[in-house]
């Protein structure tokens, strides 16, 4: 299981509500057959803490690629994979789900397909960025 990066652990104290919200979202979409309840909770916590990092989520989880992150999400949280049918970058997708729950819509256009920020959300991820 990936370990959260130190910067994420340091930020946890000031952004606890955020970590808790992401963790709750992940747990709501977890596959009970993916592992024990403890293992599922630990993975949800790990991913939610990694969301506090400055890099792409797959990098902050110390994975080798976005494909590895997608495989991790498919195993542990298949409900979210099903919802992410347009393959939005995972960290953006998770936060977009939280915003939609609160009815906060930050896209500058009526849909992602025509938004000027689309390349930021759906474009390729380079390891150094």
C-alpha atoms as a PDB file:
ATOM      1  CA  UNK A   1       0.000   0.000   0.000  1.00  0.00           C
ATOM      2  CA  UNK A   2       1.427   3.429  -0.907  1.00  0.00           C
ATOM      3  CA  UNK A   3       2.348   5.739   1.937  1.00  0.00           C
ATOM      4  CA  UNK A   4       1.349   9.419   1.918  1.00  0.00           C
ATOM      5  CA  UNK A   5       4.133  11.865   1.282  1.00  0.00           C
ATOM      6  CA  UNK A   6       5.417  13.921   4.236  1.00  0.00           C
ATOM      7  CA  UNK A   7       3.963  17.200   2.915  1.00  0.00           C
ATOM      8  CA  UNK A   8       0.496  15.626   2.980  1.00  0.00           C
ATOM      9  CA  UNK A   9       0.941  14.511   6.574  1.00  0.00           C
ATOM     10  CA  UNK A  10       2.066  18.006   7.567  1.00  0.00           C
ATOM     11  CA  UNK A  11      -1.005  19.559   5.898  1.00  0.00           C
ATOM     12  CA  UNK A  12      -3.412  17.096   7.480  1.00  0.00           C
ATOM     13  CA  UNK A  13      -3.807  19.129  10.663  1.00  0.00           C
ATOM     14  CA  UNK A  14      -4.978  22.282   8.874  1.00  0.00           C
ATOM     15  CA  UNK A  15      -7.112  20.556   6.237  1.00  0.00           C
ATOM     16  CA  UNK A  16      -8.681  17.775   8.285  1.00  0.00           C
ATOM     17  CA  UNK A  17     -12.242  18.438   7.031  1.00  0.00           C
ATOM     18  CA  UNK A  18     -11.057  18.141   3.456  1.00  0.00           C
ATOM     19  CA  UNK A  19      -9.305  14.834   4.149  1.00  0.00           C
ATOM     20  CA  UNK A  20     -12.411  13.561   5.882  1.00  0.00           C
ATOM     21  CA  UNK A  21     -14.665  14.575   2.964  1.00  0.00           C
ATOM     22  CA  UNK A  22     -12.490  12.829   0.377  1.00  0.00           C
ATOM     23  CA  UNK A  23     -12.172   9.784   2.595  1.00  0.00           C
ATOM     24  CA  UNK A  24     -15.952   9.589   3.028  1.00  0.00           C
ATOM     25  CA  UNK A  25     -16.447   9.874  -0.742  1.00  0.00           C
ATOM     26  CA  UNK A  26     -14.000   7.035  -1.332  1.00  0.00           C
ATOM     27  CA  UNK A  27     -15.599   4.819   1.303  1.00  0.00           C
ATOM     28  CA  UNK A  28     -19.050   5.377  -0.198  1.00  0.00           C
ATOM     29  CA  UNK A  29     -17.757   3.959  -3.483  1.00  0.00           C
ATOM     30  CA  UNK A  30     -15.565   1.184  -2.082  1.00  0.00           C
ATOM     31  CA  UNK A  31     -15.903  -2.439  -3.127  1.00  0.00           C
ATOM     32  CA  UNK A  32     -16.513  -4.480   0.039  1.00  0.00           C
ATOM     33  CA  UNK A  33     -14.870  -7.449  -1.695  1.00  0.00           C
ATOM     34  CA  UNK A  34     -11.626  -5.508  -2.298  1.00  0.00           C
ATOM     35  CA  UNK A  35     -10.275  -6.335   1.144  1.00  0.00           C
ATOM     36  CA  UNK A  36     -11.067  -6.219   4.827  1.00  0.00           C
ATOM     37  CA  UNK A  37     -12.892  -3.228   6.230  1.00  0.00           C
ATOM     38  CA  UNK A  38      -9.622  -2.136   7.813  1.00  0.00           C
ATOM     39  CA  UNK A  39      -7.750  -2.394   4.504  1.00  0.00           C
ATOM     40  CA  UNK A  40     -10.444  -0.429   2.663  1.00  0.00           C
ATOM     41  CA  UNK A  41     -10.426   2.287   5.326  1.00  0.00           C
ATOM     42  CA  UNK A  42      -6.617   2.453   5.248  1.00  0.00           C
ATOM     43  CA  UNK A  43      -6.587   2.821   1.464  1.00  0.00           C
ATOM     44  CA  UNK A  44      -9.262   5.516   1.586  1.00  0.00           C
ATOM     45  CA  UNK A  45      -7.226   7.398   4.202  1.00  0.00           C
ATOM     46  CA  UNK A  46      -4.027   7.010   2.192  1.00  0.00           C
ATOM     47  CA  UNK A  47      -5.610   8.330  -1.001  1.00  0.00           C
ATOM     48  CA  UNK A  48      -7.355  11.189   0.803  1.00  0.00           C
ATOM     49  CA  UNK A  49      -4.099  12.273   2.463  1.00  0.00           C
ATOM     50  CA  UNK A  50      -2.224  12.043  -0.817  1.00  0.00           C
ATOM     51  CA  UNK A  51      -4.744  14.468  -2.318  1.00  0.00           C
ATOM     52  CA  UNK A  52      -3.104  17.134  -0.142  1.00  0.00           C
ATOM     53  CA  UNK A  53       0.158  16.799  -2.079  1.00  0.00           C
ATOM     54  CA  UNK A  54       1.309  19.222  -4.753  1.00  0.00           C
ATOM     55  CA  UNK A  55       1.779  16.755  -7.611  1.00  0.00           C
ATOM     56  CA  UNK A  56      -0.522  14.509  -9.583  1.00  0.00           C
ATOM     57  CA  UNK A  57      -2.257  12.058  -7.283  1.00  0.00           C
ATOM     58  CA  UNK A  58      -0.393   9.075  -8.741  1.00  0.00           C
ATOM     59  CA  UNK A  59       2.896  10.839  -7.973  1.00  0.00           C
ATOM     60  CA  UNK A  60       1.863  11.772  -4.440  1.00  0.00           C
ATOM     61  CA  UNK A  61       0.936   8.116  -3.888  1.00  0.00           C
ATOM     62  CA  UNK A  62       4.417   7.215  -5.153  1.00  0.00           C
ATOM     63  CA  UNK A  63       3.013   5.110  -7.983  1.00  0.00           C
ATOM     64  CA  UNK A  64       4.757   4.643 -11.316  1.00  0.00           C
ATOM     65  CA  UNK A  65       2.018   6.047 -13.534  1.00  0.00           C
ATOM     66  CA  UNK A  66      -1.540   7.252 -13.790  1.00  0.00           C
ATOM     67  CA  UNK A  67      -2.423   3.804 -15.137  1.00  0.00           C
ATOM     68  CA  UNK A  68      -1.317   2.302 -11.802  1.00  0.00           C
ATOM     69  CA  UNK A  69      -3.542   4.773  -9.965  1.00  0.00           C
ATOM     70  CA  UNK A  70      -6.471   3.872 -12.196  1.00  0.00           C
ATOM     71  CA  UNK A  71      -5.878   0.172 -11.450  1.00  0.00           C
ATOM     72  CA  UNK A  72      -5.784   0.956  -7.719  1.00  0.00           C
ATOM     73  CA  UNK A  73      -9.028   2.916  -8.003  1.00  0.00           C
ATOM     74  CA  UNK A  74     -10.635   0.124 -10.050  1.00  0.00           C
ATOM     75  CA  UNK A  75      -9.769  -2.416  -7.351  1.00  0.00           C
ATOM     76  CA  UNK A  76     -10.719  -0.424  -4.249  1.00  0.00           C
ATOM     77  CA  UNK A  77     -13.259   2.166  -5.459  1.00  0.00           C
ATOM     78  CA  UNK A  78     -14.943   0.864  -8.638  1.00  0.00           C
ATOM     79  CA  UNK A  79     -18.007   3.045  -8.097  1.00  0.00           C
ATOM     80  CA  UNK A  80     -15.876   6.132  -8.676  1.00  0.00           C
ATOM     81  CA  UNK A  81     -14.200   4.596 -11.717  1.00  0.00           C
ATOM     82  CA  UNK A  82     -17.641   4.059 -13.214  1.00  0.00           C
ATOM     83  CA  UNK A  83     -18.527   7.705 -12.578  1.00  0.00           C
ATOM     84  CA  UNK A  84     -15.253   8.938 -14.104  1.00  0.00           C
ATOM     85  CA  UNK A  85     -16.261   7.712 -17.541  1.00  0.00           C
ATOM     86  CA  UNK A  86     -14.488  10.555 -19.359  1.00  0.00           C
ATOM     87  CA  UNK A  87     -11.181   9.785 -17.605  1.00  0.00           C
ATOM     88  CA  UNK A  88     -10.744  13.073 -15.756  1.00  0.00           C
ATOM     89  CA  UNK A  89      -7.540  13.251 -13.738  1.00  0.00           C
ATOM     90  CA  UNK A  90      -8.229  11.588 -10.413  1.00  0.00           C
ATOM     91  CA  UNK A  91      -7.516  14.401  -7.952  1.00  0.00           C
ATOM     92  CA  UNK A  92      -9.597  16.838 -10.006  1.00  0.00           C
ATOM     93  CA  UNK A  93     -12.338  14.244 -10.329  1.00  0.00           C
ATOM     94  CA  UNK A  94     -12.516  13.591  -6.590  1.00  0.00           C
ATOM     95  CA  UNK A  95     -12.731  17.285  -5.761  1.00  0.00           C
ATOM     96  CA  UNK A  96     -15.260  17.841  -8.548  1.00  0.00           C
ATOM     97  CA  UNK A  97     -17.430  15.162  -6.926  1.00  0.00           C
ATOM     98  CA  UNK A  98     -17.230  17.011  -3.608  1.00  0.00           C
ATOM     99  CA  UNK A  99     -18.067  20.331  -5.253  1.00  0.00           C
ATOM    100  CA  UNK A 100     -21.066  18.842  -7.032  1.00  0.00           C
ATOM    101  CA  UNK A 101     -22.358  17.532  -3.701  1.00  0.00           C
ATOM    102  CA  UNK A 102     -22.290  21.079  -2.394  1.00  0.00           C
ATOM    103  CA  UNK A 103     -23.649  22.408  -5.695  1.00  0.00           C
ATOM    104  CA  UNK A 104     -20.484  24.394  -6.323  1.00  0.00           C
ATOM    105  CA  UNK A 105     -19.812  24.394 -10.045  1.00  0.00           C
ATOM    106  CA  UNK A 106     -16.468  25.938 -10.934  1.00  0.00           C
ATOM    107  CA  UNK A 107     -16.296  25.146 -14.640  1.00  0.00           C
ATOM    108  CA  UNK A 108     -16.327  28.358 -16.669  1.00  0.00           C
ATOM    109  CA  UNK A 109     -18.609  26.805 -19.286  1.00  0.00           C
ATOM    110  CA  UNK A 110     -21.871  24.871 -19.060  1.00  0.00           C
ATOM    111  CA  UNK A 111     -20.034  21.596 -19.564  1.00  0.00           C
ATOM    112  CA  UNK A 112     -16.504  20.260 -19.400  1.00  0.00           C
ATOM    113  CA  UNK A 113     -16.543  19.564 -23.137  1.00  0.00           C
ATOM    114  CA  UNK A 114     -16.472  23.285 -23.935  1.00  0.00           C
ATOM    115  CA  UNK A 115     -14.574  24.615 -20.901  1.00  0.00           C
ATOM    116  CA  UNK A 116     -11.298  26.438 -21.607  1.00  0.00           C
ATOM    117  CA  UNK A 117      -9.657  24.521 -18.736  1.00  0.00           C
ATOM    118  CA  UNK A 118     -10.435  21.118 -20.307  1.00  0.00           C
ATOM    119  CA  UNK A 119      -6.754  20.387 -21.162  1.00  0.00           C
ATOM    120  CA  UNK A 120      -5.834  20.954 -17.501  1.00  0.00           C
ATOM    121  CA  UNK A 121      -8.411  18.458 -16.279  1.00  0.00           C
ATOM    122  CA  UNK A 122      -8.250  15.849 -19.022  1.00  0.00           C
ATOM    123  CA  UNK A 123      -4.855  16.337 -20.706  1.00  0.00           C
ATOM    124  CA  UNK A 124      -1.804  14.118 -20.344  1.00  0.00           C
ATOM    125  CA  UNK A 125       0.101  14.026 -17.091  1.00  0.00           C
ATOM    126  CA  UNK A 126       3.823  14.489 -17.268  1.00  0.00           C
ATOM    127  CA  UNK A 127       5.912  12.975 -14.442  1.00  0.00           C
ATOM    128  CA  UNK A 128       7.749  16.215 -13.619  1.00  0.00           C
ATOM    129  CA  UNK A 129       4.631  18.376 -13.328  1.00  0.00           C
END
